[in-house]
Amino acid sequence: MIIRRAVPEDVSVLHKMLIDMYNRIEVPASPLSERKVLDVIKSAMETGIVIVAEVEGRISGPLRGMTNCNWRLGGSGRGGGGGWGGGRRGGGLS
């Protein structure tokens, strides 16, 4: 397994993975905007760090990281709590 930073060529694979994950949600969820998913991936790559795990030349999963300059406990800081959804302040995929 190789862990590496995602590159622009990975966007379509990450997009498909996130759409597939969303389609397997077993609880009621808001309708998904595929365009917004793409925008979130690209934004995460530009403003944070997206790490992928690669096994035998195929991406097996993504991990998104972001900076947070707010050191107060309980503060949402820039971008909120990480993850693809963007934390408490919105910015999700729907």
C-alpha atoms as a PDB file:
ATOM      1  CA  MET A   1       0.000   0.000   0.000  1.00  0.00           C
ATOM      2  CA  ILE A   2       1.185   3.482  -0.874  1.00  0.00           C
ATOM      3  CA  ILE A   3      -0.095   6.558   0.956  1.00  0.00           C
ATOM      4  CA  ARG A   4       0.304   9.718  -1.123  1.00  0.00           C
ATOM      5  CA  ARG A   5      -1.096  13.148  -1.746  1.00  0.00           C
ATOM      6  CA  ALA A   6      -3.887  13.177  -4.326  1.00  0.00           C
ATOM      7  CA  VAL A   7      -3.126  14.722  -7.707  1.00  0.00           C
ATOM      8  CA  PRO A   8      -5.561  16.234 -10.242  1.00  0.00           C
ATOM      9  CA  GLU A   9      -5.624  12.944 -12.169  1.00  0.00           C
ATOM     10  CA  ASP A  10      -7.268  11.327  -9.094  1.00  0.00           C
ATOM     11  CA  VAL A  11     -10.319  13.620  -9.079  1.00  0.00           C
ATOM     12  CA  SER A  12     -12.544  11.399 -11.248  1.00  0.00           C
ATOM     13  CA  VAL A  13     -11.784   8.304  -9.136  1.00  0.00           C
ATOM     14  CA  LEU A  14     -12.413  10.189  -5.881  1.00  0.00           C
ATOM     15  CA  HIS A  15     -15.651  11.608  -7.327  1.00  0.00           C
ATOM     16  CA  LYS A  16     -16.889   8.124  -8.238  1.00  0.00           C
ATOM     17  CA  MET A  17     -15.915   6.741  -4.805  1.00  0.00           C
ATOM     18  CA  LEU A  18     -17.805   9.473  -2.949  1.00  0.00           C
ATOM     19  CA  ILE A  19     -20.903   9.102  -5.150  1.00  0.00           C
ATOM     20  CA  ASP A  20     -20.830   5.324  -4.564  1.00  0.00           C
ATOM     21  CA  MET A  21     -20.461   5.820  -0.793  1.00  0.00           C
ATOM     22  CA  TYR A  22     -23.378   8.250  -0.762  1.00  0.00           C
ATOM     23  CA  ASN A  23     -25.570   5.867  -2.741  1.00  0.00           C
ATOM     24  CA  ARG A  24     -25.026   3.185  -0.081  1.00  0.00           C
ATOM     25  CA  ILE A  25     -26.276   5.340   2.801  1.00  0.00           C
ATOM     26  CA  GLU A  26     -28.967   3.401   4.628  1.00  0.00           C
ATOM     27  CA  VAL A  27     -30.634   6.357   6.347  1.00  0.00           C
ATOM     28  CA  PRO A  28     -32.672   9.111   4.693  1.00  0.00           C
ATOM     29  CA  ALA A  29     -30.395  11.792   3.227  1.00  0.00           C
ATOM     30  CA  SER A  30     -30.739  14.966   1.211  1.00  0.00           C
ATOM     31  CA  PRO A  31     -30.506  14.661  -2.566  1.00  0.00           C
ATOM     32  CA  LEU A  32     -26.936  14.685  -3.790  1.00  0.00           C
ATOM     33  CA  SER A  33     -25.517  17.288  -6.147  1.00  0.00           C
ATOM     34  CA  GLU A  34     -22.837  15.534  -8.187  1.00  0.00           C
ATOM     35  CA  ARG A  35     -21.485  18.927  -9.254  1.00  0.00           C
ATOM     36  CA  LYS A  36     -21.123  19.940  -5.599  1.00  0.00           C
ATOM     37  CA  VAL A  37     -19.252  16.709  -4.864  1.00  0.00           C
ATOM     38  CA  LEU A  38     -16.802  17.569  -7.619  1.00  0.00           C
ATOM     39  CA  ASP A  39     -16.449  21.134  -6.320  1.00  0.00           C
ATOM     40  CA  VAL A  40     -15.807  19.876  -2.757  1.00  0.00           C
ATOM     41  CA  ILE A  41     -13.081  17.507  -3.955  1.00  0.00           C
ATOM     42  CA  LYS A  42     -11.353  20.213  -5.986  1.00  0.00           C
ATOM     43  CA  SER A  43     -11.641  22.740  -3.153  1.00  0.00           C
ATOM     44  CA  ALA A  44     -10.228  20.244  -0.648  1.00  0.00           C
ATOM     45  CA  MET A  45      -7.262  19.645  -2.934  1.00  0.00           C
ATOM     46  CA  GLU A  46      -6.655  23.390  -3.314  1.00  0.00           C
ATOM     47  CA  THR A  47      -7.149  24.513   0.303  1.00  0.00           C
ATOM     48  CA  GLY A  48      -6.199  21.436   2.290  1.00  0.00           C
ATOM     49  CA  ILE A  49      -4.592  18.097   1.796  1.00  0.00           C
ATOM     50  CA  VAL A  50      -6.256  15.066   0.269  1.00  0.00           C
ATOM     51  CA  ILE A  51      -4.375  11.853   0.895  1.00  0.00           C
ATOM     52  CA  VAL A  52      -5.158   8.631  -0.953  1.00  0.00           C
ATOM     53  CA  ALA A  53      -4.281   5.036  -0.246  1.00  0.00           C
ATOM     54  CA  GLU A  54      -3.193   3.193  -3.366  1.00  0.00           C
ATOM     55  CA  VAL A  55      -3.062  -0.604  -3.618  1.00  0.00           C
ATOM     56  CA  GLU A  56      -1.644  -2.236  -6.735  1.00  0.00           C
ATOM     57  CA  GLY A  57      -2.026   0.991  -8.703  1.00  0.00           C
ATOM     58  CA  ARG A  58      -5.671   1.600  -7.672  1.00  0.00           C
ATOM     59  CA  ILE A  59      -6.946   4.167  -5.193  1.00  0.00           C
ATOM     60  CA  SER A  60      -8.584   2.300  -2.332  1.00  0.00           C
ATOM     61  CA  GLY A  61      -9.725   5.304  -0.306  1.00  0.00           C
ATOM     62  CA  PRO A  62      -9.404   9.055   0.339  1.00  0.00           C
ATOM     63  CA  LEU A  63      -8.618  11.063   3.468  1.00  0.00           C
ATOM     64  CA  ARG A  64      -9.043  14.826   3.630  1.00  0.00           C
ATOM     65  CA  GLY A  65      -7.154  17.113   5.969  1.00  0.00           C
ATOM     66  CA  MET A  66      -7.402  20.829   6.556  1.00  0.00           C
ATOM     67  CA  THR A  67      -5.748  23.483   8.622  1.00  0.00           C
ATOM     68  CA  ASN A  68      -7.517  25.033  11.565  1.00  0.00           C
ATOM     69  CA  CYS A  69      -6.184  28.273  12.975  1.00  0.00           C
ATOM     70  CA  ASN A  70      -8.769  28.469  15.785  1.00  0.00           C
ATOM     71  CA  TRP A  71      -7.226  26.987  18.934  1.00  0.00           C
ATOM     72  CA  ARG A  72     -10.226  27.689  21.211  1.00  0.00           C
ATOM     73  CA  LEU A  73     -11.891  24.539  22.477  1.00  0.00           C
ATOM     74  CA  GLY A  74     -15.246  24.106  20.820  1.00  0.00           C
ATOM     75  CA  GLY A  75     -14.562  26.677  18.100  1.00  0.00           C
ATOM     76  CA  SER A  76     -15.228  25.693  14.544  1.00  0.00           C
ATOM     77  CA  GLY A  77     -12.261  27.585  13.072  1.00  0.00           C
ATOM     78  CA  ARG A  78     -11.707  27.693   9.353  1.00  0.00           C
ATOM     79  CA  GLY A  79     -13.789  25.079   7.638  1.00  0.00           C
ATOM     80  CA  GLY A  80     -15.108  23.361  10.733  1.00  0.00           C
ATOM     81  CA  GLY A  81     -14.439  19.790  11.634  1.00  0.00           C
ATOM     82  CA  GLY A  82     -12.780  18.279   8.593  1.00  0.00           C
ATOM     83  CA  GLY A  83     -14.231  15.340   6.718  1.00  0.00           C
ATOM     84  CA  TRP A  84     -15.828  15.733   3.323  1.00  0.00           C
ATOM     85  CA  GLY A  85     -18.895  17.460   4.743  1.00  0.00           C
ATOM     86  CA  GLY A  86     -17.179  20.655   5.927  1.00  0.00           C
ATOM     87  CA  GLY A  87     -18.159  20.570   9.608  1.00  0.00           C
ATOM     88  CA  ARG A  88     -20.941  22.452  11.377  1.00  0.00           C
ATOM     89  CA  ARG A  89     -20.997  25.473   9.092  1.00  0.00           C
ATOM     90  CA  GLY A  90     -22.277  23.608   6.059  1.00  0.00           C
ATOM     91  CA  GLY A  91     -20.381  23.133   2.865  1.00  0.00           C
ATOM     92  CA  GLY A  92     -21.651  19.571   2.565  1.00  0.00           C
ATOM     93  CA  LEU A  93     -22.315  17.544  -0.541  1.00  0.00           C
ATOM     94  CA  SER A  94     -26.062  18.059  -0.868  1.00  0.00           C
END
